[in-house]
Protein backbone atom coordinates (compact mmCIF):
# COMPACT_ATOMS: atom_id res chain seq x y z
CA UNK A 1 -1.88 15.31 3.91
CA UNK A 2 -3.53 13.40 2.37
CA UNK A 3 -0.62 11.50 0.76
CA UNK A 4 0.13 11.29 4.46
CA UNK A 5 -3.41 9.50 5.43
CA UNK A 6 -2.54 7.43 2.70
CA UNK A 7 0.60 6.45 4.37
CA UNK A 8 -0.94 5.67 6.96
CA UNK A 9 -3.79 3.72 6.73
CA UNK A 10 -1.53 1.35 4.19
CA UNK A 11 0.64 0.97 6.96
CA UNK A 12 -2.84 0.09 9.54
CA UNK A 13 -3.71 -2.47 6.24
CA UNK A 14 -0.01 -3.75 6.42
CA UNK A 15 -0.21 -4.67 9.53
CA UNK A 16 -3.61 -5.36 10.06
CA UNK A 17 -2.65 -8.71 6.73
CA UNK A 18 0.58 -9.38 9.50
CA UNK A 19 -1.64 -10.16 12.11
CA UNK A 20 -3.49 -12.15 10.34
CA UNK A 21 -1.22 -14.04 8.55
CA UNK A 22 0.13 -14.31 12.62
CA UNK A 23 -2.90 -15.85 13.41
CA UNK A 24 -2.69 -18.45 10.16
CA UNK A 25 0.55 -18.97 10.93
CA UNK A 26 1.42 -17.78 6.72
CA UNK A 27 2.84 -14.28 7.62
CA UNK A 28 5.06 -14.24 4.55
CA UNK A 29 1.95 -14.87 2.19
CA UNK A 30 0.39 -12.37 3.65
CA UNK A 31 2.66 -9.82 3.24
CA UNK A 32 2.41 -11.07 -0.75
CA UNK A 33 -0.94 -10.20 -1.40
CA UNK A 34 -0.88 -7.56 0.67
CA UNK A 35 1.03 -5.55 -2.01
CA UNK A 36 -1.63 -6.32 -5.42
CA UNK A 37 -4.42 -4.55 -2.33
CA UNK A 38 -2.08 -1.85 -2.00
CA UNK A 39 -1.45 -1.70 -5.54
CA UNK A 40 -5.20 -1.04 -6.33
CA UNK A 41 -5.65 1.49 -3.60
CA UNK A 42 -3.26 3.29 -4.68
CA UNK A 43 -3.97 3.27 -8.19
CA UNK A 44 -7.32 4.18 -7.26
CA UNK A 45 -6.73 6.90 -4.65
CA UNK A 46 -4.38 7.88 -8.43
CA UNK A 47 -7.41 7.86 -10.21
CA UNK A 48 -10.24 10.12 -7.90
CA UNK A 49 -6.95 12.40 -8.24
CA UNK A 50 -7.35 12.78 -12.08
CA UNK A 51 -11.09 12.60 -12.18
CA UNK A 52 -12.23 13.83 -9.21
CA UNK A 53 -10.32 16.86 -8.17
CA UNK A 54 -8.31 18.00 -11.32
CA UNK A 55 -5.24 16.46 -11.55
CA UNK A 56 -3.43 15.64 -14.42
CA UNK A 57 -1.90 12.19 -15.37
CA UNK A 58 1.72 13.84 -14.94
CA UNK A 59 1.01 15.21 -11.50
CA UNK A 60 -0.24 12.34 -10.05
CA UNK A 61 2.00 9.09 -10.71
CA UNK A 62 4.67 10.49 -7.96
CA UNK A 63 2.34 10.97 -5.60
CA UNK A 64 1.13 7.54 -7.22
CA UNK A 65 4.82 6.36 -5.96
CA UNK A 66 5.16 7.82 -2.84
CA UNK A 67 1.66 5.54 -1.90
CA UNK A 68 2.89 3.05 -3.70
CA UNK A 69 6.81 1.80 -3.21
CA UNK A 70 7.02 2.39 0.12
CA UNK A 71 4.90 0.25 1.88
CA UNK A 72 5.37 -2.84 -0.98
CA UNK A 73 9.37 -2.17 0.40
CA UNK A 74 8.40 -2.90 4.29
CA UNK A 75 5.89 -5.32 3.20
CA UNK A 76 9.05 -7.24 1.43
CA UNK A 77 11.18 -6.28 4.40
CA UNK A 78 8.56 -7.94 6.63
CA UNK A 79 8.23 -11.00 4.10
CA UNK A 80 12.12 -11.64 4.51
CA UNK A 81 12.20 -11.42 8.84
CA UNK A 82 9.07 -12.86 9.14
CA UNK A 83 9.87 -16.03 7.23
């Protein structure tokens, strides 16, 4: 359930970034800026899973990738389509 919440939150963040880029006529740039921001958010989520929830790093890495990769690909597709 937590993974779905993270994916939904990331999709909302990406939509807000693209909307901000649309207002500033820089959609391609904001789509690229989303990627490092999302990497940090996903890494912090993984860190919380390791330090607070008690999972090992090897248990958390697949979830990190499951959270990070789809939205990164979506941002790159949006950048390509809206460029």
